[in-house]
Amino acid sequence: MNKFIYLASQSPRRRDLLEQLGVRYELLLPDADEDTETLEQMRPNEAPVTYVKRVTQLKLDAALQRLKRRGLPPAPVLCSDTTVALGRKIYGKPVDVADANRMLAELVNTTHRVLTAVALGTARRRAQVLSGSRVTFAAMSPRQIRSYVASGEPLGKAGAYAVQGRAAAFISHISGSYSGIMGLPLFETAQLLKTFESLRDSPKRSVALSLTD
């Protein structure tokens, strides 16, 4: 793919994954005074799918405003958000070590969902895709959980773990998109880019795709 886009993500994993698709991009990171944490706040009784799609659209709104404010050359902006869900309970990024320990204690010996929404847009049009996967954790003792959290890997990760890191030793089964669990589903993102390209000359519109397990 020779398409050029802006990537509005601070995640090095998403950068690496996007590079696998051969997409040319530049980072469009938040300004120091932007309150990005507010965008990820949950609403009472919000369903996980609704939450992750809404947050991704909010990130895209903020990134498009950033693009306009900086006067950069126009190009589509890509945003993504990943959340972990056990039933209707949403597990975002842990706020501290204690929170990471709590999350992992609740997720071990369970099969939970990992939802990643990806949105691509300009001022005139946008498209979105949702990827859903399932991850089964084996048993982890309290000591193993504490040791893993002490490694620092869980901090900043939805659900307090990184599938591509040390947590892999405790993951017994995965169903769905491995890259989606990492934070950017490659197949779905490639389809999103193709869909968006087909909308290039169409009237202003929004398209949503759903590619879930």
N, C-alpha and C. Protein backbone atom coordinates (compact mmCIF):
# COMPACT_ATOMS: atom_id res chain seq x y z
N MET A 1 0.84 -1.20 0.00
CA MET A 1 0.00 0.00 0.00
C MET A 1 0.87 1.24 0.00
N ASN A 2 0.59 2.16 -0.93
CA ASN A 2 1.36 3.39 -1.01
C ASN A 2 0.62 4.57 -0.41
N LYS A 3 -0.54 4.29 0.16
CA LYS A 3 -1.35 5.36 0.72
C LYS A 3 -0.63 6.03 1.88
N PHE A 4 -0.75 7.37 1.97
CA PHE A 4 -0.16 8.12 3.08
C PHE A 4 -1.26 8.51 4.05
N ILE A 5 -1.02 8.29 5.33
CA ILE A 5 -1.98 8.67 6.36
C ILE A 5 -1.23 9.25 7.55
N TYR A 6 -1.99 9.83 8.46
CA TYR A 6 -1.47 10.23 9.76
C TYR A 6 -1.89 9.17 10.78
N LEU A 7 -0.99 8.81 11.66
CA LEU A 7 -1.30 7.87 12.74
C LEU A 7 -1.36 8.63 14.05
N ALA A 8 -2.56 8.69 14.62
CA ALA A 8 -2.75 9.41 15.88
C ALA A 8 -2.71 8.42 17.03
N SER A 9 -1.54 7.90 17.31
CA SER A 9 -1.37 6.91 18.37
C SER A 9 0.03 7.01 18.94
N GLN A 10 0.13 6.90 20.25
CA GLN A 10 1.43 6.91 20.91
C GLN A 10 1.98 5.50 21.10
N SER A 11 1.26 4.50 20.63
CA SER A 11 1.65 3.11 20.83
C SER A 11 2.71 2.68 19.82
N PRO A 12 3.88 2.28 20.29
CA PRO A 12 4.90 1.76 19.36
C PRO A 12 4.46 0.47 18.69
N ARG A 13 3.59 -0.29 19.34
CA ARG A 13 3.09 -1.53 18.74
C ARG A 13 2.25 -1.23 17.51
N ARG A 14 1.42 -0.22 17.57
CA ARG A 14 0.60 0.13 16.42
C ARG A 14 1.46 0.64 15.26
N ARG A 15 2.52 1.35 15.58
CA ARG A 15 3.43 1.81 14.53
C ARG A 15 4.06 0.61 13.82
N ASP A 16 4.54 -0.35 14.59
CA ASP A 16 5.17 -1.53 14.00
C ASP A 16 4.18 -2.30 13.14
N LEU A 17 2.96 -2.45 13.63
CA LEU A 17 1.96 -3.20 12.88
C LEU A 17 1.57 -2.49 11.59
N LEU A 18 1.43 -1.17 11.66
CA LEU A 18 1.08 -0.41 10.46
C LEU A 18 2.18 -0.53 9.42
N GLU A 19 3.41 -0.55 9.87
CA GLU A 19 4.55 -0.68 8.94
C GLU A 19 4.52 -2.04 8.24
N GLN A 20 3.95 -3.06 8.88
CA GLN A 20 3.83 -4.37 8.24
C GLN A 20 2.93 -4.31 7.01
N LEU A 21 1.99 -3.39 7.02
CA LEU A 21 1.09 -3.23 5.87
C LEU A 21 1.72 -2.41 4.75
N GLY A 22 2.88 -1.83 5.01
CA GLY A 22 3.54 -1.01 4.00
C GLY A 22 2.90 0.34 3.81
N VAL A 23 2.20 0.81 4.83
CA VAL A 23 1.51 2.10 4.75
C VAL A 23 2.48 3.22 5.15
N ARG A 24 2.57 4.24 4.33
CA ARG A 24 3.40 5.40 4.68
C ARG A 24 2.60 6.29 5.64
N TYR A 25 3.23 6.70 6.72
CA TYR A 25 2.52 7.49 7.71
C TYR A 25 3.45 8.46 8.42
N GLU A 26 2.82 9.45 9.04
CA GLU A 26 3.50 10.34 9.97
C GLU A 26 2.69 10.35 11.25
N LEU A 27 3.37 10.50 12.37
CA LEU A 27 2.68 10.55 13.65
C LEU A 27 1.98 11.89 13.84
N LEU A 28 0.79 11.81 14.41
CA LEU A 28 0.02 13.01 14.74
C LEU A 28 -0.33 12.91 16.23
N LEU A 29 0.66 13.18 17.06
CA LEU A 29 0.51 12.97 18.49
C LEU A 29 -0.10 14.18 19.19
N PRO A 30 -0.74 13.97 20.33
CA PRO A 30 -1.39 15.07 21.05
C PRO A 30 -0.39 16.12 21.52
N ASP A 31 -0.88 17.35 21.64
CA ASP A 31 -0.07 18.42 22.23
C ASP A 31 0.04 18.16 23.73
N ALA A 32 1.03 18.78 24.35
CA ALA A 32 1.28 18.57 25.78
C ALA A 32 0.08 18.96 26.64
N ASP A 33 -0.71 19.92 26.17
CA ASP A 33 -1.83 20.41 26.98
C ASP A 33 -3.15 19.71 26.65
N GLU A 34 -3.13 18.71 25.77
CA GLU A 34 -4.36 18.00 25.44
C GLU A 34 -4.69 16.98 26.54
N ASP A 35 -5.96 16.93 26.93
CA ASP A 35 -6.41 16.02 27.97
C ASP A 35 -6.92 14.74 27.31
N THR A 36 -6.00 13.84 26.97
CA THR A 36 -6.38 12.61 26.29
C THR A 36 -7.04 11.60 27.22
N GLU A 37 -6.76 11.68 28.52
CA GLU A 37 -7.33 10.71 29.47
C GLU A 37 -8.84 10.84 29.55
N THR A 38 -9.35 12.06 29.41
CA THR A 38 -10.79 12.28 29.51
C THR A 38 -11.54 11.52 28.42
N LEU A 39 -10.91 11.39 27.24
CA LEU A 39 -11.57 10.70 26.14
C LEU A 39 -11.90 9.25 26.46
N GLU A 40 -11.11 8.63 27.34
CA GLU A 40 -11.28 7.22 27.64
C GLU A 40 -12.16 6.95 28.87
N GLN A 41 -12.77 7.97 29.41
CA GLN A 41 -13.64 7.77 30.57
C GLN A 41 -14.88 6.96 30.18
N MET A 42 -15.24 6.03 31.04
CA MET A 42 -16.40 5.17 30.79
C MET A 42 -17.69 5.84 31.27
N ARG A 43 -18.76 5.51 30.60
CA ARG A 43 -20.08 5.97 31.02
C ARG A 43 -20.76 4.87 31.82
N PRO A 44 -21.64 5.22 32.74
CA PRO A 44 -22.32 4.21 33.56
C PRO A 44 -23.06 3.19 32.70
N ASN A 45 -22.84 1.90 32.99
CA ASN A 45 -23.53 0.81 32.31
C ASN A 45 -23.29 0.76 30.80
N GLU A 46 -22.19 1.34 30.35
CA GLU A 46 -21.89 1.34 28.92
C GLU A 46 -21.38 -0.03 28.49
N ALA A 47 -21.93 -0.56 27.39
CA ALA A 47 -21.50 -1.85 26.87
C ALA A 47 -20.09 -1.71 26.29
N PRO A 48 -19.27 -2.75 26.40
CA PRO A 48 -17.89 -2.68 25.91
C PRO A 48 -17.76 -2.28 24.44
N VAL A 49 -18.60 -2.86 23.58
CA VAL A 49 -18.53 -2.51 22.15
C VAL A 49 -18.87 -1.05 21.94
N THR A 50 -19.91 -0.58 22.59
CA THR A 50 -20.29 0.83 22.48
C THR A 50 -19.16 1.72 22.97
N TYR A 51 -18.54 1.34 24.06
CA TYR A 51 -17.46 2.12 24.65
C TYR A 51 -16.28 2.24 23.70
N VAL A 52 -15.79 1.12 23.19
CA VAL A 52 -14.57 1.18 22.38
C VAL A 52 -14.80 1.91 21.06
N LYS A 53 -15.99 1.77 20.49
CA LYS A 53 -16.29 2.50 19.25
C LYS A 53 -16.43 3.99 19.51
N ARG A 54 -17.06 4.35 20.62
CA ARG A 54 -17.23 5.77 20.96
C ARG A 54 -15.88 6.43 21.23
N VAL A 55 -15.03 5.78 22.01
CA VAL A 55 -13.73 6.35 22.33
C VAL A 55 -12.88 6.54 21.07
N THR A 56 -12.94 5.59 20.16
CA THR A 56 -12.17 5.71 18.93
C THR A 56 -12.63 6.89 18.10
N GLN A 57 -13.94 7.11 18.05
CA GLN A 57 -14.45 8.27 17.32
C GLN A 57 -14.04 9.58 17.99
N LEU A 58 -14.03 9.60 19.31
CA LEU A 58 -13.58 10.79 20.02
C LEU A 58 -12.10 11.07 19.74
N LYS A 59 -11.30 10.01 19.69
CA LYS A 59 -9.89 10.17 19.37
C LYS A 59 -9.71 10.72 17.96
N LEU A 60 -10.55 10.25 17.04
CA LEU A 60 -10.47 10.74 15.67
C LEU A 60 -10.88 12.20 15.60
N ASP A 61 -11.94 12.57 16.31
CA ASP A 61 -12.36 13.98 16.35
C ASP A 61 -11.22 14.87 16.83
N ALA A 62 -10.57 14.45 17.92
CA ALA A 62 -9.48 15.24 18.49
C ALA A 62 -8.30 15.33 17.53
N ALA A 63 -8.00 14.22 16.85
CA ALA A 63 -6.87 14.21 15.93
C ALA A 63 -7.13 15.09 14.71
N LEU A 64 -8.35 15.08 14.20
CA LEU A 64 -8.68 15.92 13.05
C LEU A 64 -8.60 17.40 13.42
N GLN A 65 -9.02 17.73 14.62
CA GLN A 65 -8.89 19.12 15.09
C GLN A 65 -7.42 19.49 15.21
N ARG A 66 -6.61 18.56 15.67
CA ARG A 66 -5.17 18.76 15.81
C ARG A 66 -4.53 19.02 14.44
N LEU A 67 -4.95 18.23 13.47
CA LEU A 67 -4.43 18.37 12.11
C LEU A 67 -4.75 19.76 11.54
N LYS A 68 -5.98 20.19 11.74
CA LYS A 68 -6.39 21.50 11.25
C LYS A 68 -5.66 22.62 11.98
N ARG A 69 -5.53 22.48 13.30
CA ARG A 69 -4.88 23.50 14.12
C ARG A 69 -3.42 23.69 13.73
N ARG A 70 -2.76 22.60 13.36
CA ARG A 70 -1.35 22.68 13.01
C ARG A 70 -1.11 23.06 11.55
N GLY A 71 -2.18 23.11 10.77
CA GLY A 71 -2.04 23.50 9.38
C GLY A 71 -1.24 22.53 8.54
N LEU A 72 -1.34 21.24 8.86
CA LEU A 72 -0.60 20.22 8.13
C LEU A 72 -1.30 19.85 6.82
N PRO A 73 -0.56 19.32 5.86
CA PRO A 73 -1.17 18.90 4.59
C PRO A 73 -2.28 17.89 4.85
N PRO A 74 -3.39 17.98 4.14
CA PRO A 74 -4.52 17.07 4.38
C PRO A 74 -4.18 15.63 3.99
N ALA A 75 -4.64 14.70 4.82
CA ALA A 75 -4.51 13.26 4.57
C ALA A 75 -5.39 12.56 5.60
N PRO A 76 -5.82 11.34 5.32
CA PRO A 76 -6.64 10.61 6.29
C PRO A 76 -5.89 10.37 7.60
N VAL A 77 -6.65 10.34 8.69
CA VAL A 77 -6.08 10.12 10.02
C VAL A 77 -6.59 8.79 10.55
N LEU A 78 -5.67 7.97 11.07
CA LEU A 78 -6.03 6.68 11.63
C LEU A 78 -5.92 6.71 13.15
N CYS A 79 -6.99 6.25 13.81
CA CYS A 79 -7.02 6.16 15.27
C CYS A 79 -7.49 4.76 15.66
N SER A 80 -7.10 4.33 16.84
CA SER A 80 -7.50 3.00 17.31
C SER A 80 -7.60 2.99 18.83
N ASP A 81 -8.46 2.11 19.33
CA ASP A 81 -8.58 1.95 20.78
C ASP A 81 -8.86 0.48 21.07
N THR A 82 -8.25 -0.03 22.12
CA THR A 82 -8.41 -1.43 22.51
C THR A 82 -8.91 -1.51 23.95
N THR A 83 -9.87 -2.39 24.18
CA THR A 83 -10.33 -2.61 25.54
C THR A 83 -10.53 -4.10 25.77
N VAL A 84 -10.44 -4.48 27.01
CA VAL A 84 -10.66 -5.87 27.43
C VAL A 84 -11.99 -5.92 28.17
N ALA A 85 -12.76 -6.96 27.93
CA ALA A 85 -14.08 -7.07 28.57
C ALA A 85 -14.32 -8.48 29.06
N LEU A 86 -14.82 -8.57 30.27
CA LEU A 86 -15.26 -9.84 30.84
C LEU A 86 -16.75 -9.67 31.12
N GLY A 87 -17.57 -10.30 30.26
CA GLY A 87 -18.99 -9.99 30.30
C GLY A 87 -19.18 -8.55 29.86
N ARG A 88 -19.88 -7.77 30.67
CA ARG A 88 -20.06 -6.35 30.36
C ARG A 88 -19.06 -5.46 31.11
N LYS A 89 -18.20 -6.08 31.89
CA LYS A 89 -17.22 -5.31 32.65
C LYS A 89 -16.04 -4.94 31.78
N ILE A 90 -15.69 -3.66 31.77
CA ILE A 90 -14.61 -3.15 30.94
C ILE A 90 -13.33 -3.01 31.75
N TYR A 91 -12.25 -3.50 31.17
CA TYR A 91 -10.93 -3.39 31.80
C TYR A 91 -10.06 -2.50 30.92
N GLY A 92 -9.86 -1.28 31.36
CA GLY A 92 -9.00 -0.36 30.62
C GLY A 92 -7.57 -0.49 31.09
N LYS A 93 -6.83 0.61 31.02
CA LYS A 93 -5.45 0.60 31.49
C LYS A 93 -5.44 0.75 33.01
N PRO A 94 -4.64 -0.04 33.70
CA PRO A 94 -4.60 0.07 35.17
C PRO A 94 -4.03 1.42 35.60
N VAL A 95 -4.59 1.97 36.65
CA VAL A 95 -4.13 3.29 37.12
C VAL A 95 -2.85 3.17 37.94
N ASP A 96 -2.62 1.99 38.53
CA ASP A 96 -1.40 1.79 39.32
C ASP A 96 -1.15 0.29 39.48
N VAL A 97 -0.14 -0.06 40.27
CA VAL A 97 0.23 -1.46 40.48
C VAL A 97 -0.91 -2.25 41.12
N ALA A 98 -1.55 -1.67 42.12
CA ALA A 98 -2.64 -2.37 42.79
C ALA A 98 -3.79 -2.66 41.83
N ASP A 99 -4.08 -1.71 40.97
CA ASP A 99 -5.15 -1.89 39.99
C ASP A 99 -4.78 -2.98 39.00
N ALA A 100 -3.52 -3.04 38.59
CA ALA A 100 -3.06 -4.09 37.68
C ALA A 100 -3.20 -5.47 38.33
N ASN A 101 -2.83 -5.58 39.60
CA ASN A 101 -2.98 -6.84 40.31
C ASN A 101 -4.44 -7.26 40.38
N ARG A 102 -5.31 -6.31 40.66
CA ARG A 102 -6.75 -6.61 40.73
C ARG A 102 -7.28 -7.12 39.40
N MET A 103 -6.93 -6.44 38.32
CA MET A 103 -7.42 -6.84 37.00
C MET A 103 -7.00 -8.26 36.65
N LEU A 104 -5.72 -8.53 36.84
CA LEU A 104 -5.22 -9.85 36.48
C LEU A 104 -5.83 -10.95 37.34
N ALA A 105 -6.04 -10.65 38.61
CA ALA A 105 -6.66 -11.63 39.50
C ALA A 105 -8.07 -11.99 39.04
N GLU A 106 -8.75 -11.03 38.42
CA GLU A 106 -10.11 -11.26 37.93
C GLU A 106 -10.12 -11.95 36.56
N LEU A 107 -9.06 -11.76 35.78
CA LEU A 107 -9.03 -12.30 34.41
C LEU A 107 -8.46 -13.71 34.32
N VAL A 108 -7.62 -14.11 35.29
CA VAL A 108 -7.04 -15.46 35.21
C VAL A 108 -8.12 -16.51 35.35
N ASN A 109 -7.89 -17.65 34.69
CA ASN A 109 -8.85 -18.75 34.69
C ASN A 109 -10.17 -18.36 34.03
N THR A 110 -10.12 -17.39 33.10
CA THR A 110 -11.33 -16.98 32.39
C THR A 110 -11.01 -16.86 30.90
N THR A 111 -12.08 -16.77 30.11
CA THR A 111 -11.96 -16.39 28.70
C THR A 111 -12.64 -15.04 28.55
N HIS A 112 -11.88 -14.05 28.14
CA HIS A 112 -12.42 -12.70 28.01
C HIS A 112 -12.30 -12.21 26.58
N ARG A 113 -12.97 -11.11 26.29
CA ARG A 113 -12.92 -10.52 24.95
C ARG A 113 -11.90 -9.40 24.89
N VAL A 114 -11.29 -9.24 23.73
CA VAL A 114 -10.45 -8.09 23.45
C VAL A 114 -11.05 -7.41 22.23
N LEU A 115 -11.48 -6.18 22.40
CA LEU A 115 -12.14 -5.42 21.34
C LEU A 115 -11.24 -4.28 20.89
N THR A 116 -11.00 -4.20 19.60
CA THR A 116 -10.21 -3.10 19.05
C THR A 116 -11.00 -2.45 17.93
N ALA A 117 -11.26 -1.16 18.09
CA ALA A 117 -11.92 -0.38 17.05
C ALA A 117 -10.88 0.47 16.35
N VAL A 118 -11.00 0.56 15.03
CA VAL A 118 -10.09 1.36 14.22
C VAL A 118 -10.93 2.31 13.38
N ALA A 119 -10.57 3.58 13.40
CA ALA A 119 -11.30 4.58 12.63
C ALA A 119 -10.33 5.33 11.73
N LEU A 120 -10.78 5.61 10.52
CA LEU A 120 -9.99 6.35 9.54
C LEU A 120 -10.87 7.46 9.00
N GLY A 121 -10.37 8.69 8.99
CA GLY A 121 -11.24 9.77 8.55
C GLY A 121 -10.53 11.03 8.14
N THR A 122 -11.29 11.86 7.44
CA THR A 122 -10.89 13.22 7.09
C THR A 122 -12.03 14.13 7.54
N ALA A 123 -11.95 15.41 7.20
CA ALA A 123 -13.01 16.34 7.57
C ALA A 123 -14.31 16.01 6.84
N ARG A 124 -14.22 15.30 5.71
CA ARG A 124 -15.40 15.05 4.88
C ARG A 124 -16.01 13.66 5.05
N ARG A 125 -15.20 12.68 5.41
CA ARG A 125 -15.74 11.33 5.50
C ARG A 125 -14.93 10.49 6.49
N ARG A 126 -15.53 9.43 6.95
CA ARG A 126 -14.84 8.54 7.89
C ARG A 126 -15.41 7.14 7.78
N ALA A 127 -14.60 6.16 8.18
CA ALA A 127 -15.02 4.76 8.20
C ALA A 127 -14.43 4.12 9.44
N GLN A 128 -15.10 3.08 9.93
CA GLN A 128 -14.66 2.43 11.16
C GLN A 128 -14.83 0.93 11.07
N VAL A 129 -13.94 0.20 11.74
CA VAL A 129 -14.04 -1.24 11.79
C VAL A 129 -13.86 -1.70 13.24
N LEU A 130 -14.51 -2.80 13.58
CA LEU A 130 -14.40 -3.35 14.93
C LEU A 130 -13.92 -4.79 14.84
N SER A 131 -12.87 -5.11 15.57
CA SER A 131 -12.33 -6.46 15.63
C SER A 131 -12.55 -7.02 17.03
N GLY A 132 -13.04 -8.25 17.09
CA GLY A 132 -13.27 -8.89 18.38
C GLY A 132 -12.53 -10.22 18.47
N SER A 133 -11.82 -10.45 19.55
CA SER A 133 -11.08 -11.70 19.76
C SER A 133 -11.36 -12.20 21.17
N ARG A 134 -10.99 -13.45 21.41
CA ARG A 134 -11.16 -14.03 22.74
C ARG A 134 -9.83 -14.60 23.23
N VAL A 135 -9.53 -14.34 24.48
CA VAL A 135 -8.27 -14.78 25.08
C VAL A 135 -8.59 -15.57 26.34
N THR A 136 -7.97 -16.76 26.47
CA THR A 136 -8.15 -17.58 27.66
C THR A 136 -6.88 -17.58 28.48
N PHE A 137 -7.00 -17.13 29.72
CA PHE A 137 -5.87 -17.14 30.65
C PHE A 137 -5.89 -18.44 31.45
N ALA A 138 -4.73 -19.03 31.64
CA ALA A 138 -4.59 -20.17 32.54
C ALA A 138 -4.50 -19.65 33.98
N ALA A 139 -4.31 -20.54 34.90
CA ALA A 139 -4.20 -20.13 36.30
C ALA A 139 -2.89 -19.39 36.55
N MET A 140 -2.96 -18.38 37.39
CA MET A 140 -1.78 -17.66 37.86
C MET A 140 -1.90 -17.50 39.37
N SER A 141 -0.88 -17.83 40.09
CA SER A 141 -0.90 -17.67 41.53
C SER A 141 -0.74 -16.19 41.86
N PRO A 142 -1.16 -15.77 43.05
CA PRO A 142 -0.96 -14.38 43.46
C PRO A 142 0.50 -13.95 43.33
N ARG A 143 1.41 -14.86 43.63
CA ARG A 143 2.84 -14.55 43.52
C ARG A 143 3.22 -14.32 42.05
N GLN A 144 2.72 -15.15 41.16
CA GLN A 144 3.02 -14.98 39.74
C GLN A 144 2.45 -13.66 39.20
N ILE A 145 1.26 -13.32 39.68
CA ILE A 145 0.66 -12.05 39.27
C ILE A 145 1.51 -10.89 39.74
N ARG A 146 1.91 -10.93 40.99
CA ARG A 146 2.73 -9.84 41.54
C ARG A 146 4.06 -9.72 40.79
N SER A 147 4.65 -10.86 40.46
CA SER A 147 5.93 -10.86 39.75
C SER A 147 5.77 -10.26 38.35
N TYR A 148 4.68 -10.61 37.69
CA TYR A 148 4.43 -10.07 36.35
C TYR A 148 4.18 -8.57 36.40
N VAL A 149 3.39 -8.14 37.36
CA VAL A 149 3.11 -6.71 37.50
C VAL A 149 4.39 -5.95 37.82
N ALA A 150 5.26 -6.54 38.63
CA ALA A 150 6.52 -5.90 39.00
C ALA A 150 7.44 -5.68 37.80
N SER A 151 7.22 -6.45 36.73
CA SER A 151 8.03 -6.29 35.52
C SER A 151 7.74 -4.97 34.82
N GLY A 152 6.60 -4.36 35.15
CA GLY A 152 6.21 -3.09 34.54
C GLY A 152 5.45 -3.24 33.25
N GLU A 153 5.41 -4.44 32.70
CA GLU A 153 4.74 -4.65 31.42
C GLU A 153 3.24 -4.36 31.43
N PRO A 154 2.52 -4.69 32.51
CA PRO A 154 1.07 -4.46 32.49
C PRO A 154 0.64 -2.99 32.47
N LEU A 155 1.49 -2.11 32.97
CA LEU A 155 1.10 -0.70 33.05
C LEU A 155 0.97 -0.10 31.66
N GLY A 156 -0.12 0.61 31.46
CA GLY A 156 -0.36 1.22 30.16
C GLY A 156 -0.99 0.29 29.15
N LYS A 157 -1.36 -0.93 29.59
CA LYS A 157 -1.98 -1.91 28.70
C LYS A 157 -3.42 -2.19 29.13
N ALA A 158 -4.33 -2.23 28.18
CA ALA A 158 -5.71 -2.58 28.49
C ALA A 158 -5.76 -3.98 29.07
N GLY A 159 -6.45 -4.14 30.19
CA GLY A 159 -6.53 -5.44 30.84
C GLY A 159 -5.29 -5.81 31.62
N ALA A 160 -4.30 -4.92 31.66
CA ALA A 160 -3.07 -5.10 32.44
C ALA A 160 -2.19 -6.25 31.93
N TYR A 161 -2.17 -6.46 30.61
CA TYR A 161 -1.25 -7.45 30.08
C TYR A 161 -0.94 -7.16 28.61
N ALA A 162 0.19 -7.69 28.15
CA ALA A 162 0.61 -7.58 26.75
C ALA A 162 0.71 -8.97 26.17
N VAL A 163 -0.12 -9.29 25.18
CA VAL A 163 -0.15 -10.63 24.62
C VAL A 163 1.18 -11.01 23.98
N GLN A 164 1.92 -10.01 23.50
CA GLN A 164 3.20 -10.27 22.84
C GLN A 164 4.37 -10.30 23.82
N GLY A 165 4.08 -10.13 25.11
CA GLY A 165 5.13 -10.08 26.11
C GLY A 165 5.14 -11.29 27.02
N ARG A 166 5.51 -11.07 28.28
CA ARG A 166 5.63 -12.17 29.24
C ARG A 166 4.30 -12.86 29.54
N ALA A 167 3.22 -12.15 29.32
CA ALA A 167 1.90 -12.74 29.61
C ALA A 167 1.61 -13.94 28.73
N ALA A 168 2.31 -14.05 27.60
CA ALA A 168 2.07 -15.17 26.69
C ALA A 168 2.27 -16.52 27.37
N ALA A 169 3.09 -16.55 28.40
CA ALA A 169 3.33 -17.81 29.11
C ALA A 169 2.10 -18.30 29.87
N PHE A 170 1.11 -17.42 30.05
CA PHE A 170 -0.09 -17.78 30.80
C PHE A 170 -1.35 -17.77 29.94
N ILE A 171 -1.18 -17.57 28.63
CA ILE A 171 -2.34 -17.55 27.73
C ILE A 171 -2.45 -18.90 27.05
N SER A 172 -3.51 -19.64 27.36
CA SER A 172 -3.66 -21.00 26.85
C SER A 172 -4.34 -21.07 25.50
N HIS A 173 -5.14 -20.05 25.15
CA HIS A 173 -5.86 -20.11 23.87
C HIS A 173 -6.22 -18.70 23.41
N ILE A 174 -6.15 -18.51 22.10
CA ILE A 174 -6.56 -17.25 21.46
C ILE A 174 -7.46 -17.58 20.29
N SER A 175 -8.55 -16.85 20.16
CA SER A 175 -9.44 -16.97 19.02
C SER A 175 -9.68 -15.58 18.45
N GLY A 176 -9.33 -15.40 17.18
CA GLY A 176 -9.52 -14.09 16.57
C GLY A 176 -8.24 -13.53 16.00
N SER A 177 -8.05 -12.24 16.17
CA SER A 177 -6.93 -11.53 15.57
C SER A 177 -5.82 -11.26 16.59
N TYR A 178 -4.67 -11.90 16.39
CA TYR A 178 -3.54 -11.68 17.30
C TYR A 178 -3.10 -10.22 17.24
N SER A 179 -3.01 -9.67 16.03
CA SER A 179 -2.60 -8.27 15.90
C SER A 179 -3.65 -7.34 16.48
N GLY A 180 -4.92 -7.76 16.43
CA GLY A 180 -5.97 -6.95 17.04
C GLY A 180 -5.83 -6.91 18.54
N ILE A 181 -5.43 -8.03 19.14
CA ILE A 181 -5.19 -8.06 20.58
C ILE A 181 -4.02 -7.15 20.94
N MET A 182 -3.04 -7.07 20.04
CA MET A 182 -1.90 -6.18 20.25
C MET A 182 -2.29 -4.71 20.15
N GLY A 183 -3.34 -4.42 19.38
CA GLY A 183 -3.79 -3.03 19.29
C GLY A 183 -4.13 -2.52 17.92
N LEU A 184 -3.84 -3.31 16.85
CA LEU A 184 -4.20 -2.88 15.50
C LEU A 184 -4.40 -4.12 14.63
N PRO A 185 -5.65 -4.55 14.42
CA PRO A 185 -5.91 -5.74 13.61
C PRO A 185 -5.52 -5.51 12.15
N LEU A 186 -4.55 -6.27 11.66
CA LEU A 186 -3.99 -5.99 10.34
C LEU A 186 -4.97 -6.26 9.20
N PHE A 187 -5.65 -7.40 9.23
CA PHE A 187 -6.60 -7.69 8.15
C PHE A 187 -7.70 -6.63 8.10
N GLU A 188 -8.27 -6.36 9.26
CA GLU A 188 -9.36 -5.39 9.32
C GLU A 188 -8.90 -3.99 8.92
N THR A 189 -7.71 -3.62 9.33
CA THR A 189 -7.18 -2.30 8.98
C THR A 189 -6.94 -2.19 7.48
N ALA A 190 -6.42 -3.26 6.88
CA ALA A 190 -6.21 -3.26 5.43
C ALA A 190 -7.54 -3.11 4.69
N GLN A 191 -8.57 -3.81 5.18
CA GLN A 191 -9.89 -3.69 4.56
C GLN A 191 -10.45 -2.28 4.74
N LEU A 192 -10.19 -1.71 5.90
CA LEU A 192 -10.66 -0.34 6.17
C LEU A 192 -10.02 0.65 5.21
N LEU A 193 -8.73 0.52 4.98
CA LEU A 193 -8.04 1.41 4.04
C LEU A 193 -8.60 1.28 2.63
N LYS A 194 -8.90 0.05 2.22
CA LYS A 194 -9.48 -0.16 0.89
C LYS A 194 -10.87 0.45 0.80
N THR A 195 -11.67 0.24 1.85
CA THR A 195 -13.03 0.80 1.86
C THR A 195 -12.98 2.32 1.81
N PHE A 196 -12.08 2.90 2.58
CA PHE A 196 -11.98 4.35 2.61
C PHE A 196 -11.55 4.90 1.26
N GLU A 197 -10.66 4.20 0.59
CA GLU A 197 -10.20 4.63 -0.72
C GLU A 197 -11.35 4.66 -1.71
N SER A 198 -12.27 3.69 -1.60
CA SER A 198 -13.41 3.63 -2.51
C SER A 198 -14.40 4.77 -2.26
N LEU A 199 -14.31 5.40 -1.07
CA LEU A 199 -15.21 6.51 -0.74
C LEU A 199 -14.63 7.86 -1.15
N ARG A 200 -13.43 7.86 -1.74
CA ARG A 200 -12.70 9.09 -2.00
C ARG A 200 -13.52 10.11 -2.78
N ASP A 201 -14.26 9.63 -3.78
CA ASP A 201 -15.00 10.56 -4.63
C ASP A 201 -16.50 10.56 -4.34
N SER A 202 -16.88 9.92 -3.24
CA SER A 202 -18.30 9.87 -2.90
C SER A 202 -18.68 11.04 -2.01
N PRO A 203 -19.98 11.30 -1.84
CA PRO A 203 -20.41 12.39 -0.95
C PRO A 203 -19.99 12.11 0.48
N LYS A 204 -20.06 13.14 1.31
CA LYS A 204 -19.70 13.00 2.71
C LYS A 204 -20.53 11.91 3.35
N ARG A 205 -19.85 10.95 4.01
CA ARG A 205 -20.58 9.85 4.61
C ARG A 205 -19.73 9.16 5.65
N SER A 206 -20.36 8.26 6.41
CA SER A 206 -19.67 7.47 7.42
C SER A 206 -20.00 6.01 7.18
N VAL A 207 -19.00 5.15 7.28
CA VAL A 207 -19.20 3.72 7.06
C VAL A 207 -18.65 2.97 8.26
N ALA A 208 -19.38 1.96 8.71
CA ALA A 208 -18.91 1.13 9.82
C ALA A 208 -18.86 -0.32 9.36
N LEU A 209 -17.75 -0.98 9.62
CA LEU A 209 -17.61 -2.40 9.33
C LEU A 209 -17.52 -3.15 10.65
N SER A 210 -17.94 -4.39 10.67
CA SER A 210 -17.81 -5.21 11.87
C SER A 210 -17.23 -6.56 11.50
N LEU A 211 -16.00 -6.82 11.94
CA LEU A 211 -15.34 -8.08 11.65
C LEU A 211 -14.96 -8.68 13.01
N THR A 212 -15.84 -9.48 13.57
CA THR A 212 -15.63 -10.02 14.91
C THR A 212 -15.68 -11.53 14.89
N ASP A 213 -15.16 -12.12 15.97
CA ASP A 213 -15.17 -13.58 16.02
C ASP A 213 -16.55 -14.10 16.31
